[in-house]
C-alpha cells in the first residue's frame, strides 16, 4: 500500500488557500466567457463565495501562524 504524503499544518493551510484562489479565478474567467446572463450571474456569485472563503482562511492562517503581525 502506498503511503500518503505528509504535510505540515502551515503548508496544508497554504494549499487550501491557494485552491480557493484558483477556484475564484476559474469562476471569474467562466463569468467573463458566459453569454447567458443567468450563467454569468451564477459564476460571479461563485467567484464571490470563493473570495470570501479565501479571505476567511487567510485571516485564520495569519492568526495561527503569524500572531505578531
Protein backbone atom coordinates (compact mmCIF):
# COMPACT_ATOMS: atom_id res chain seq x y z
CA UNK A 1 0.00 0.00 0.00
CA UNK A 2 1.34 3.42 -0.95
CA UNK A 3 1.85 5.88 1.85
CA UNK A 4 0.09 9.21 1.86
CA UNK A 5 2.11 12.38 1.63
CA UNK A 6 2.55 14.11 4.95
CA UNK A 7 2.10 17.87 5.12
CA UNK A 8 2.81 20.25 7.93
CA UNK A 9 -0.25 22.20 9.16
CA UNK A 10 1.04 25.52 7.83
CA UNK A 11 1.71 24.00 4.40
CA UNK A 12 -1.76 22.45 4.36
CA UNK A 13 -3.34 25.84 5.13
CA UNK A 14 -1.40 27.45 2.27
CA UNK A 15 -2.52 24.70 -0.11
CA UNK A 16 -6.17 25.21 0.83
CA UNK A 17 -5.91 29.00 0.45
CA UNK A 18 -4.28 28.56 -2.96
CA UNK A 19 -7.07 26.21 -4.03
CA UNK A 20 -9.70 28.78 -3.06
CA UNK A 21 -7.82 31.42 -5.09
CA UNK A 22 -7.64 29.12 -8.13
CA UNK A 23 -11.35 28.33 -7.84
CA UNK A 24 -12.16 32.05 -7.65
CA UNK A 25 -10.06 32.74 -10.72
CA UNK A 26 -11.76 29.92 -12.63
CA UNK A 27 -15.23 31.24 -11.81
CA UNK A 28 -14.19 34.77 -12.79
CA UNK A 29 -12.96 33.51 -16.17
CA UNK A 30 -16.12 31.48 -16.70
CA UNK A 31 -18.27 34.50 -15.83
CA UNK A 32 -16.37 36.60 -18.36
CA UNK A 33 -16.98 33.97 -21.05
CA UNK A 34 -20.64 33.32 -20.26
CA UNK A 35 -23.07 34.69 -22.80
CA UNK A 36 -26.18 33.91 -20.78
CA UNK A 37 -26.86 36.44 -18.01
CA UNK A 38 -28.10 33.77 -15.56
CA UNK A 39 -24.96 31.69 -16.10
CA UNK A 40 -22.75 34.78 -15.77
CA UNK A 41 -24.57 35.70 -12.57
CA UNK A 42 -24.06 32.21 -11.15
CA UNK A 43 -20.32 32.23 -11.87
CA UNK A 44 -20.00 35.74 -10.46
CA UNK A 45 -21.75 34.60 -7.29
CA UNK A 46 -19.50 31.54 -7.01
CA UNK A 47 -16.38 33.69 -7.52
CA UNK A 48 -17.55 35.93 -4.69
CA UNK A 49 -18.07 32.94 -2.43
CA UNK A 50 -14.58 31.66 -3.17
CA UNK A 51 -13.14 35.13 -2.48
CA UNK A 52 -14.96 35.16 0.87
CA UNK A 53 -13.60 31.70 1.73
CA UNK A 54 -10.10 32.79 0.73
CA UNK A 55 -10.29 35.89 2.99
CA UNK A 56 -11.60 33.85 5.93
CA UNK A 57 -8.87 31.23 5.53
CA UNK A 58 -6.16 33.89 5.19
CA UNK A 59 -7.39 35.59 8.36
CA UNK A 60 -7.31 32.30 10.28
CA UNK A 61 -3.89 31.44 8.81
CA UNK A 62 -2.49 34.78 9.95
CA UNK A 63 -3.92 34.32 13.45
CA UNK A 64 -2.45 30.82 13.70
CA UNK A 65 0.93 31.24 12.03
CA UNK A 66 1.71 34.98 12.17
CA UNK A 67 0.30 36.14 15.51
CA UNK A 68 2.77 39.03 15.87
CA UNK A 69 1.55 40.89 12.77
